[in-house]
PDB file of N, CA and C in Angstrom:
ATOM      1  N   MET A   1      23.130  80.256   3.875  1.00  0.00           N
ATOM      2  CA  MET A   1      23.535  79.285   4.869  1.00  0.00           C
ATOM      3  C   MET A   1      24.257  78.148   4.155  1.00  0.00           C
ATOM      4  N   ASP A   2      25.441  77.783   4.639  1.00  0.00           N
ATOM      5  CA  ASP A   2      26.163  76.689   4.012  1.00  0.00           C
ATOM      6  C   ASP A   2      25.815  75.365   4.676  1.00  0.00           C
ATOM      7  N   LYS A   3      26.254  74.264   4.050  1.00  0.00           N
ATOM      8  CA  LYS A   3      25.889  72.939   4.546  1.00  0.00           C
ATOM      9  C   LYS A   3      26.526  72.610   5.888  1.00  0.00           C
ATOM     10  N   THR A   4      27.635  73.254   6.241  1.00  0.00           N
ATOM     11  CA  THR A   4      28.279  72.963   7.513  1.00  0.00           C
ATOM     12  C   THR A   4      27.485  73.510   8.687  1.00  0.00           C
ATOM     13  N   SER A   5      26.566  74.435   8.428  1.00  0.00           N
ATOM     14  CA  SER A   5      25.767  74.985   9.518  1.00  0.00           C
ATOM     15  C   SER A   5      24.349  74.407   9.524  1.00  0.00           C
ATOM     16  N   GLU A   6      24.180  73.241   8.884  1.00  0.00           N
ATOM     17  CA  GLU A   6      22.877  72.574   8.851  1.00  0.00           C
ATOM     18  C   GLU A   6      22.393  72.295  10.275  1.00  0.00           C
ATOM     19  N   ILE A   7      21.142  72.572  10.528  1.00  0.00           N
ATOM     20  CA  ILE A   7      20.564  72.388  11.854  1.00  0.00           C
ATOM     21  C   ILE A   7      20.451  70.900  12.157  1.00  0.00           C
ATOM     22  N   MET A   8      20.925  70.520  13.337  1.00  0.00           N
ATOM     23  CA  MET A   8      20.869  69.121  13.757  1.00  0.00           C
ATOM     24  C   MET A   8      20.022  69.039  15.024  1.00  0.00           C
ATOM     25  N   ASP A   9      19.237  67.991  15.134  1.00  0.00           N
ATOM     26  CA  ASP A   9      18.463  67.715  16.332  1.00  0.00           C
ATOM     27  C   ASP A   9      19.140  66.584  17.087  1.00  0.00           C
ATOM     28  N   THR A  10      18.724  66.376  18.312  1.00  0.00           N
ATOM     29  CA  THR A  10      19.334  65.351  19.154  1.00  0.00           C
ATOM     30  C   THR A  10      18.299  64.317  19.579  1.00  0.00           C
ATOM     31  N   ILE A  11      18.737  63.061  19.595  1.00  0.00           N
ATOM     32  CA  ILE A  11      17.962  61.968  20.158  1.00  0.00           C
ATOM     33  C   ILE A  11      18.855  61.235  21.161  1.00  0.00           C
ATOM     34  N   THR A  12      18.241  60.436  22.000  1.00  0.00           N
ATOM     35  CA  THR A  12      18.981  59.586  22.929  1.00  0.00           C
ATOM     36  C   THR A  12      18.753  58.142  22.536  1.00  0.00           C
ATOM     37  N   VAL A  13      19.821  57.366  22.520  1.00  0.00           N
ATOM     38  CA  VAL A  13      19.707  55.923  22.319  1.00  0.00           C
ATOM     39  C   VAL A  13      20.125  55.268  23.630  1.00  0.00           C
ATOM     40  N   GLU A  14      19.195  54.520  24.205  1.00  0.00           N
ATOM     41  CA  GLU A  14      19.452  53.807  25.454  1.00  0.00           C
ATOM     42  C   GLU A  14      19.695  52.341  25.127  1.00  0.00           C
ATOM     43  N   PHE A  15      20.723  51.776  25.726  1.00  0.00           N
ATOM     44  CA  PHE A  15      21.053  50.366  25.536  1.00  0.00           C
ATOM     45  C   PHE A  15      20.558  49.570  26.741  1.00  0.00           C
ATOM     46  N   THR A  16      19.907  48.442  26.498  1.00  0.00           N
ATOM     47  CA  THR A  16      19.446  47.577  27.583  1.00  0.00           C
ATOM     48  C   THR A  16      20.021  46.180  27.397  1.00  0.00           C
ATOM     49  N   ASN A  17      20.023  45.432  28.480  1.00  0.00           N
ATOM     50  CA  ASN A  17      20.396  44.021  28.461  1.00  0.00           C
ATOM     51  C   ASN A  17      21.682  43.761  27.681  1.00  0.00           C
ATOM     52  N   LEU A  18      21.618  42.864  26.722  1.00  0.00           N
ATOM     53  CA  LEU A  18      22.785  42.492  25.933  1.00  0.00           C
ATOM     54  C   LEU A  18      23.370  43.687  25.187  1.00  0.00           C
ATOM     55  N   ALA A  19      22.516  44.580  24.698  1.00  0.00           N
ATOM     56  CA  ALA A  19      23.008  45.768  23.985  1.00  0.00           C
ATOM     57  C   ALA A  19      23.908  46.603  24.886  1.00  0.00           C
ATOM     58  N   ARG A  20      23.536  46.748  26.149  1.00  0.00           N
ATOM     59  CA  ARG A  20      24.341  47.530  27.096  1.00  0.00           C
ATOM     60  C   ARG A  20      25.673  46.840  27.362  1.00  0.00           C
ATOM     61  N   VAL A  21      25.647  45.529  27.510  1.00  0.00           N
ATOM     62  CA  VAL A  21      26.882  44.782  27.751  1.00  0.00           C
ATOM     63  C   VAL A  21      27.831  44.925  26.564  1.00  0.00           C
ATOM     64  N   VAL A  22      27.305  44.754  25.363  1.00  0.00           N
ATOM     65  CA  VAL A  22      28.138  44.818  24.164  1.00  0.00           C
ATOM     66  C   VAL A  22      28.647  46.235  23.911  1.00  0.00           C
ATOM     67  N   ALA A  23      27.780  47.240  24.043  1.00  0.00           N
ATOM     68  CA  ALA A  23      28.183  48.627  23.796  1.00  0.00           C
ATOM     69  C   ALA A  23      29.074  49.157  24.918  1.00  0.00           C
ATOM     70  N   GLY A  24      28.849  48.677  26.135  1.00  0.00           N
ATOM     71  CA  GLY A  24      29.648  49.120  27.259  1.00  0.00           C
ATOM     72  C   GLY A  24      29.232  50.457  27.853  1.00  0.00           C
ATOM     73  N   VAL A  25      28.100  50.973  27.414  1.00  0.00           N
ATOM     74  CA  VAL A  25      27.571  52.239  27.938  1.00  0.00           C
ATOM     75  C   VAL A  25      26.056  52.109  28.086  1.00  0.00           C
ATOM     76  N   PRO A  26      25.450  52.878  29.004  1.00  0.00           N
ATOM     77  CA  PRO A  26      24.003  52.781  29.167  1.00  0.00           C
ATOM     78  C   PRO A  26      23.221  53.546  28.100  1.00  0.00           C
ATOM     79  N   ASN A  27      23.779  54.647  27.592  1.00  0.00           N
ATOM     80  CA  ASN A  27      23.084  55.428  26.559  1.00  0.00           C
ATOM     81  C   ASN A  27      24.043  56.409  25.908  1.00  0.00           C
ATOM     82  N   ILE A  28      23.609  56.938  24.771  1.00  0.00           N
ATOM     83  CA  ILE A  28      24.377  57.973  24.072  1.00  0.00           C
ATOM     84  C   ILE A  28      23.406  58.992  23.491  1.00  0.00           C
ATOM     85  N   GLU A  29      23.904  60.176  23.269  1.00  0.00           N
ATOM     86  CA  GLU A  29      23.163  61.217  22.564  1.00  0.00           C
ATOM     87  C   GLU A  29      23.678  61.231  21.129  1.00  0.00           C
ATOM     88  N   LEU A  30      22.774  61.285  20.179  1.00  0.00           N
ATOM     89  CA  LEU A  30      23.158  61.369  18.766  1.00  0.00           C
ATOM     90  C   LEU A  30      22.523  62.597  18.145  1.00  0.00           C
ATOM     91  N   SER A  31      23.299  63.317  17.370  1.00  0.00           N
ATOM     92  CA  SER A  31      22.746  64.395  16.560  1.00  0.00           C
ATOM     93  C   SER A  31      22.237  63.775  15.275  1.00  0.00           C
ATOM     94  N   ILE A  32      21.032  64.160  14.887  1.00  0.00           N
ATOM     95  CA  ILE A  32      20.451  63.610  13.667  1.00  0.00           C
ATOM     96  C   ILE A  32      20.136  64.742  12.701  1.00  0.00           C
ATOM     97  N   LYS A  33      20.253  64.412  11.431  1.00  0.00           N
ATOM     98  CA  LYS A  33      19.923  65.359  10.369  1.00  0.00           C
ATOM     99  C   LYS A  33      18.459  65.192   9.989  1.00  0.00           C
ATOM    100  N   PRO A  34      17.843  66.241   9.484  1.00  0.00           N
ATOM    101  CA  PRO A  34      16.472  66.090   8.980  1.00  0.00           C
ATOM    102  C   PRO A  34      16.423  64.976   7.933  1.00  0.00           C
ATOM    103  N   GLY A  35      15.434  64.128   8.047  1.00  0.00           N
ATOM    104  CA  GLY A  35      15.270  63.045   7.080  1.00  0.00           C
ATOM    105  C   GLY A  35      16.031  61.779   7.411  1.00  0.00           C
ATOM    106  N   GLU A  36      16.837  61.792   8.469  1.00  0.00           N
ATOM    107  CA  GLU A  36      17.567  60.594   8.845  1.00  0.00           C
ATOM    108  C   GLU A  36      16.578  59.525   9.316  1.00  0.00           C
ATOM    109  N   THR A  37      16.799  58.293   8.903  1.00  0.00           N
ATOM    110  CA  THR A  37      15.879  57.198   9.206  1.00  0.00           C
ATOM    111  C   THR A  37      16.409  56.333  10.351  1.00  0.00           C
ATOM    112  N   TYR A  38      15.553  55.439  10.827  1.00  0.00           N
ATOM    113  CA  TYR A  38      15.993  54.485  11.839  1.00  0.00           C
ATOM    114  C   TYR A  38      17.113  53.597  11.284  1.00  0.00           C
ATOM    115  N   ALA A  39      17.035  53.233  10.018  1.00  0.00           N
ATOM    116  CA  ALA A  39      18.102  52.437   9.399  1.00  0.00           C
ATOM    117  C   ALA A  39      19.428  53.202   9.427  1.00  0.00           C
ATOM    118  N   ASP A  40      19.380  54.518   9.186  1.00  0.00           N
ATOM    119  CA  ASP A  40      20.597  55.335   9.267  1.00  0.00           C
ATOM    120  C   ASP A  40      21.173  55.305  10.675  1.00  0.00           C
ATOM    121  N   ILE A  41      20.296  55.353  11.673  1.00  0.00           N
ATOM    122  CA  ILE A  41      20.744  55.332  13.066  1.00  0.00           C
ATOM    123  C   ILE A  41      21.356  53.974  13.408  1.00  0.00           C
ATOM    124  N   VAL A  42      20.726  52.891  12.959  1.00  0.00           N
ATOM    125  CA  VAL A  42      21.278  51.559  13.189  1.00  0.00           C
ATOM    126  C   VAL A  42      22.666  51.471  12.557  1.00  0.00           C
ATOM    127  N   GLN A  43      22.797  52.001  11.352  1.00  0.00           N
ATOM    128  CA  GLN A  43      24.091  51.974  10.674  1.00  0.00           C
ATOM    129  C   GLN A  43      25.143  52.750  11.478  1.00  0.00           C
ATOM    130  N   ARG A  44      24.781  53.895  11.991  1.00  0.00           N
ATOM    131  CA  ARG A  44      25.713  54.684  12.809  1.00  0.00           C
ATOM    132  C   ARG A  44      26.100  53.939  14.076  1.00  0.00           C
ATOM    133  N   LEU A  45      25.131  53.251  14.701  1.00  0.00           N
ATOM    134  CA  LEU A  45      25.448  52.465  15.897  1.00  0.00           C
ATOM    135  C   LEU A  45      26.436  51.349  15.575  1.00  0.00           C
ATOM    136  N   GLY A  46      26.274  50.736  14.408  1.00  0.00           N
ATOM    137  CA  GLY A  46      27.201  49.685  13.993  1.00  0.00           C
ATOM    138  C   GLY A  46      28.611  50.200  13.781  1.00  0.00           C
ATOM    139  N   VAL A  47      28.733  51.439  13.335  1.00  0.00           N
ATOM    140  CA  VAL A  47      30.057  52.056  13.160  1.00  0.00           C
ATOM    141  C   VAL A  47      30.648  52.426  14.525  1.00  0.00           C
ATOM    142  N   LEU A  48      29.816  53.024  15.384  1.00  0.00           N
ATOM    143  CA  LEU A  48      30.289  53.428  16.714  1.00  0.00           C
ATOM    144  C   LEU A  48      30.606  52.229  17.609  1.00  0.00           C
ATOM    145  N   TYR A  49      29.812  51.178  17.482  1.00  0.00           N
ATOM    146  CA  TYR A  49      29.932  49.982  18.315  1.00  0.00           C
ATOM    147  C   TYR A  49      29.960  48.749  17.413  1.00  0.00           C
ATOM    148  N   PRO A  50      31.092  48.497  16.753  1.00  0.00           N
ATOM    149  CA  PRO A  50      31.147  47.410  15.761  1.00  0.00           C
ATOM    150  C   PRO A  50      30.837  46.023  16.321  1.00  0.00           C
ATOM    151  N   TYR A  51      30.987  45.827  17.631  1.00  0.00           N
ATOM    152  CA  TYR A  51      30.672  44.520  18.213  1.00  0.00           C
ATOM    153  C   TYR A  51      29.163  44.248  18.239  1.00  0.00           C
ATOM    154  N   LEU A  52      28.337  45.277  17.993  1.00  0.00           N
ATOM    155  CA  LEU A  52      26.894  45.050  17.890  1.00  0.00           C
ATOM    156  C   LEU A  52      26.529  44.327  16.596  1.00  0.00           C
ATOM    157  N   VAL A  53      27.384  44.494  15.560  1.00  0.00           N
ATOM    158  CA  VAL A  53      27.119  43.865  14.260  1.00  0.00           C
ATOM    159  C   VAL A  53      27.334  42.361  14.389  1.00  0.00           C
ATOM    160  N   GLY A  54      26.342  41.607  13.967  1.00  0.00           N
ATOM    161  CA  GLY A  54      26.396  40.155  14.059  1.00  0.00           C
ATOM    162  C   GLY A  54      25.809  39.629  15.360  1.00  0.00           C
ATOM    163  N   VAL A  55      25.619  40.526  16.341  1.00  0.00           N
ATOM    164  CA  VAL A  55      25.016  40.133  17.613  1.00  0.00           C
ATOM    165  C   VAL A  55      23.595  40.685  17.707  1.00  0.00           C
ATOM    166  N   LEU A  56      23.446  41.985  17.441  1.00  0.00           N
ATOM    167  CA  LEU A  56      22.142  42.646  17.460  1.00  0.00           C
ATOM    168  C   LEU A  56      21.792  43.255  16.107  1.00  0.00           C
ATOM    169  N   ILE A  57      22.820  43.708  15.403  1.00  0.00           N
ATOM    170  CA  ILE A  57      22.641  44.336  14.090  1.00  0.00           C
ATOM    171  C   ILE A  57      23.026  43.327  13.018  1.00  0.00           C
ATOM    172  N   ASP A  58      22.188  43.223  11.996  1.00  0.00           N
ATOM    173  CA  ASP A  58      22.451  42.318  10.880  1.00  0.00           C
ATOM    174  C   ASP A  58      23.749  42.716  10.182  1.00  0.00           C
ATOM    175  N   ASN A  59      24.357  41.772   9.495  1.00  0.00           N
ATOM    176  CA  ASN A  59      25.595  42.054   8.765  1.00  0.00           C
ATOM    177  C   ASN A  59      25.414  43.095   7.667  1.00  0.00           C
ATOM    178  N   ASP A  60      24.147  43.383   7.269  1.00  0.00           N
ATOM    179  CA  ASP A  60      23.913  44.444   6.293  1.00  0.00           C
ATOM    180  C   ASP A  60      24.183  45.823   6.900  1.00  0.00           C
ATOM    181  N   GLY A  61      24.267  45.871   8.237  1.00  0.00           N
ATOM    182  CA  GLY A  61      24.584  47.110   8.935  1.00  0.00           C
ATOM    183  C   GLY A  61      23.445  48.091   9.068  1.00  0.00           C
ATOM    184  N   ARG A  62      22.254  47.790   8.533  1.00  0.00           N
ATOM    185  CA  ARG A  62      21.155  48.754   8.535  1.00  0.00           C
ATOM    186  C   ARG A  62      19.866  48.237   9.167  1.00  0.00           C
ATOM    187  N   THR A  63      19.855  46.971   9.561  1.00  0.00           N
ATOM    188  CA  THR A  63      18.662  46.402  10.190  1.00  0.00           C
ATOM    189  C   THR A  63      19.088  45.589  11.404  1.00  0.00           C
ATOM    190  N   PHE A  64      18.125  45.315  12.261  1.00  0.00           N
ATOM    191  CA  PHE A  64      18.395  44.486  13.429  1.00  0.00           C
ATOM    192  C   PHE A  64      18.208  43.019  13.080  1.00  0.00           C
ATOM    193  N   LEU A  65      18.928  42.185  13.793  1.00  0.00           N
ATOM    194  CA  LEU A  65      18.659  40.760  13.727  1.00  0.00           C
ATOM    195  C   LEU A  65      17.303  40.519  14.388  1.00  0.00           C
ATOM    196  N   SER A  66      16.710  39.384  14.128  1.00  0.00           N
ATOM    197  CA  SER A  66      15.389  39.039  14.651  1.00  0.00           C
ATOM    198  C   SER A  66      15.297  39.270  16.157  1.00  0.00           C
ATOM    199  N   SER A  67      14.166  39.792  16.579  1.00  0.00           N
ATOM    200  CA  SER A  67      13.819  40.015  17.981  1.00  0.00           C
ATOM    201  C   SER A  67      14.520  41.203  18.638  1.00  0.00           C
ATOM    202  N   ASN A  68      15.252  42.006  17.897  1.00  0.00           N
ATOM    203  CA  ASN A  68      15.869  43.218  18.431  1.00  0.00           C
ATOM    204  C   ASN A  68      15.140  44.404  17.817  1.00  0.00           C
ATOM    205  N   MET A  69      14.927  45.453  18.618  1.00  0.00           N
ATOM    206  CA  MET A  69      14.144  46.582  18.109  1.00  0.00           C
ATOM    207  C   MET A  69      14.390  47.827  18.942  1.00  0.00           C
ATOM    208  N   PHE A  70      13.953  48.950  18.397  1.00  0.00           N
ATOM    209  CA  PHE A  70      13.886  50.194  19.146  1.00  0.00           C
ATOM    210  C   PHE A  70      12.487  50.336  19.722  1.00  0.00           C
ATOM    211  N   ILE A  71      12.394  50.732  20.979  1.00  0.00           N
ATOM    212  CA  ILE A  71      11.138  51.162  21.583  1.00  0.00           C
ATOM    213  C   ILE A  71      11.240  52.685  21.670  1.00  0.00           C
ATOM    214  N   ILE A  72      10.216  53.386  21.214  1.00  0.00           N
ATOM    215  CA  ILE A  72      10.264  54.847  21.159  1.00  0.00           C
ATOM    216  C   ILE A  72       9.624  55.432  22.410  1.00  0.00           C
ATOM    217  N   ASN A  73      10.385  56.264  23.112  1.00  0.00           N
ATOM    218  CA  ASN A  73       9.891  56.998  24.284  1.00  0.00           C
ATOM    219  C   ASN A  73       9.192  56.095  25.302  1.00  0.00           C
ATOM    220  N   ASN A  74       9.763  54.910  25.515  1.00  0.00           N
ATOM    221  CA  ASN A  74       9.275  53.948  26.506  1.00  0.00           C
ATOM    222  C   ASN A  74       7.846  53.469  26.255  1.00  0.00           C
ATOM    223  N   GLU A  75       7.371  53.586  25.027  1.00  0.00           N
ATOM    224  CA  GLU A  75       6.021  53.128  24.672  1.00  0.00           C
ATOM    225  C   GLU A  75       6.119  51.748  24.028  1.00  0.00           C
ATOM    226  N   MET A  76       5.855  50.717  24.817  1.00  0.00           N
ATOM    227  CA  MET A  76       5.961  49.349  24.295  1.00  0.00           C
ATOM    228  C   MET A  76       5.018  49.100  23.118  1.00  0.00           C
ATOM    229  N   GLY A  77       3.963  49.870  23.024  1.00  0.00           N
ATOM    230  CA  GLY A  77       3.022  49.724  21.918  1.00  0.00           C
ATOM    231  C   GLY A  77       3.496  50.395  20.643  1.00  0.00           C
ATOM    232  N   ASP A  78       4.664  51.014  20.685  1.00  0.00           N
ATOM    233  CA  ASP A  78       5.152  51.773  19.534  1.00  0.00           C
ATOM    234  C   ASP A  78       6.595  51.392  19.193  1.00  0.00           C
ATOM    235  N   PRO A  79       6.842  50.082  18.921  1.00  0.00           N
ATOM    236  CA  PRO A  79       8.201  49.712  18.531  1.00  0.00           C
ATOM    237  C   PRO A  79       8.464  50.105  17.078  1.00  0.00           C
ATOM    238  N   VAL A  80       9.715  50.252  16.740  1.00  0.00           N
ATOM    239  CA  VAL A  80      10.085  50.567  15.367  1.00  0.00           C
ATOM    240  C   VAL A  80      10.025  49.281  14.556  1.00  0.00           C
ATOM    241  N   MET A  81       9.155  49.260  13.586  1.00  0.00           N
ATOM    242  CA  MET A  81       9.043  48.108  12.701  1.00  0.00           C
ATOM    243  C   MET A  81       9.452  48.461  11.272  1.00  0.00           C
ATOM    244  N   VAL A  82       9.327  49.734  10.911  1.00  0.00           N
ATOM    245  CA  VAL A  82       9.680  50.173   9.563  1.00  0.00           C
ATOM    246  C   VAL A  82      10.935  51.027   9.668  1.00  0.00           C
ATOM    247  N   MET A  83      12.032  50.504   9.177  1.00  0.00           N
ATOM    248  CA  MET A  83      13.320  51.175   9.352  1.00  0.00           C
ATOM    249  C   MET A  83      13.467  52.436   8.504  1.00  0.00           C
ATOM    250  N   ASP A  84      12.562  52.649   7.547  1.00  0.00           N
ATOM    251  CA  ASP A  84      12.639  53.849   6.708  1.00  0.00           C
ATOM    252  C   ASP A  84      11.878  55.034   7.291  1.00  0.00           C
ATOM    253  N   GLU A  85      11.288  54.866   8.473  1.00  0.00           N
ATOM    254  CA  GLU A  85      10.614  55.987   9.129  1.00  0.00           C
ATOM    255  C   GLU A  85      11.647  56.841   9.849  1.00  0.00           C
ATOM    256  N   HIS A  86      11.201  57.999  10.333  1.00  0.00           N
ATOM    257  CA  HIS A  86      12.116  58.985  10.909  1.00  0.00           C
ATOM    258  C   HIS A  86      11.833  59.226  12.389  1.00  0.00           C
ATOM    259  N   PRO A  87      12.913  59.282  13.200  1.00  0.00           N
ATOM    260  CA  PRO A  87      12.703  59.680  14.593  1.00  0.00           C
ATOM    261  C   PRO A  87      12.383  61.163  14.669  1.00  0.00           C
ATOM    262  N   ARG A  88      11.785  61.560  15.779  1.00  0.00           N
ATOM    263  CA  ARG A  88      11.482  62.974  16.013  1.00  0.00           C
ATOM    264  C   ARG A  88      12.540  63.563  16.926  1.00  0.00           C
ATOM    265  N   PRO A  89      12.821  64.831  16.794  1.00  0.00           N
ATOM    266  CA  PRO A  89      13.785  65.473  17.697  1.00  0.00           C
ATOM    267  C   PRO A  89      13.390  65.219  19.152  1.00  0.00           C
ATOM    268  N   GLY A  90      14.356  64.866  19.963  1.00  0.00           N
ATOM    269  CA  GLY A  90      14.117  64.622  21.375  1.00  0.00           C
ATOM    270  C   GLY A  90      13.671  63.215  21.709  1.00  0.00           C
ATOM    271  N   ASP A  91      13.429  62.373  20.697  1.00  0.00           N
ATOM    272  CA  ASP A  91      13.005  61.000  20.970  1.00  0.00           C
ATOM    273  C   ASP A  91      14.057  60.251  21.790  1.00  0.00           C
ATOM    274  N   ARG A  92      13.565  59.308  22.582  1.00  0.00           N
ATOM    275  CA  ARG A  92      14.429  58.372  23.298  1.00  0.00           C
ATOM    276  C   ARG A  92      14.181  57.007  22.687  1.00  0.00           C
ATOM    277  N   LEU A  93      15.199  56.474  22.032  1.00  0.00           N
ATOM    278  CA  LEU A  93      15.108  55.161  21.409  1.00  0.00           C
ATOM    279  C   LEU A  93      15.783  54.151  22.331  1.00  0.00           C
ATOM    280  N   THR A  94      15.039  53.189  22.809  1.00  0.00           N
ATOM    281  CA  THR A  94      15.600  52.157  23.666  1.00  0.00           C
ATOM    282  C   THR A  94      15.835  50.930  22.814  1.00  0.00           C
ATOM    283  N   LEU A  95      17.096  50.526  22.725  1.00  0.00           N
ATOM    284  CA  LEU A  95      17.443  49.326  21.966  1.00  0.00           C
ATOM    285  C   LEU A  95      17.210  48.123  22.867  1.00  0.00           C
ATOM    286  N   VAL A  96      16.189  47.357  22.522  1.00  0.00           N
ATOM    287  CA  VAL A  96      15.805  46.190  23.291  1.00  0.00           C
ATOM    288  C   VAL A  96      16.325  44.965  22.560  1.00  0.00           C
ATOM    289  N   ALA A  97      17.156  44.212  23.255  1.00  0.00           N
ATOM    290  CA  ALA A  97      17.684  42.956  22.721  1.00  0.00           C
ATOM    291  C   ALA A  97      16.942  41.825  23.404  1.00  0.00           C
ATOM    292  N   VAL A  98      16.124  41.145  22.645  1.00  0.00           N
ATOM    293  CA  VAL A  98      15.314  40.075  23.195  1.00  0.00           C
ATOM    294  C   VAL A  98      16.010  38.757  22.935  1.00  0.00           C
ATOM    295  N   ALA A  99      16.430  38.092  23.982  1.00  0.00           N
ATOM    296  CA  ALA A  99      17.065  36.791  23.836  1.00  0.00           C
ATOM    297  C   ALA A  99      16.021  35.759  23.450  1.00  0.00           C
ATOM    298  N   THR A 100      16.356  34.965  22.438  1.00  0.00           N
ATOM    299  CA  THR A 100      15.444  33.907  22.016  1.00  0.00           C
ATOM    300  C   THR A 100      16.198  32.596  21.967  1.00  0.00           C
ATOM    301  N   GLY A 101      15.490  31.560  21.824  1.00  0.00           N
ATOM    302  CA  GLY A 101      16.122  30.248  21.734  1.00  0.00           C
ATOM    303  C   GLY A 101      15.539  29.307  22.765  1.00  0.00           C
ATOM    304  N   GLY A 102      16.088  28.135  22.823  1.00  0.00           N
ATOM    305  CA  GLY A 102      15.509  27.202  23.757  1.00  0.00           C
ATOM    306  C   GLY A 102      16.406  26.147  24.224  1.00  0.00           C
TER     307      GLY A 102
END
């Protein structure tokens, strides 16, 4: 088997609130490679939607700015806090942009 036929799984990334406005779409399907991390996914989102960088994604391109996170499969008790962990095939990652300030 060559590398071009590597098996890819699919996840869904849902955009909410400010993320949806900036991205201009409600959600996307992404093919992920085995071992791909949440940081890799954030980086891909920054490439696909460069206006997210500096608004929701840190300028490093691999982490979120404060108060922005992925919620996995609509489980508020299971937000992504460690960017080096891996999503599971079929996961639904909801990008939650929490407005802060006063």
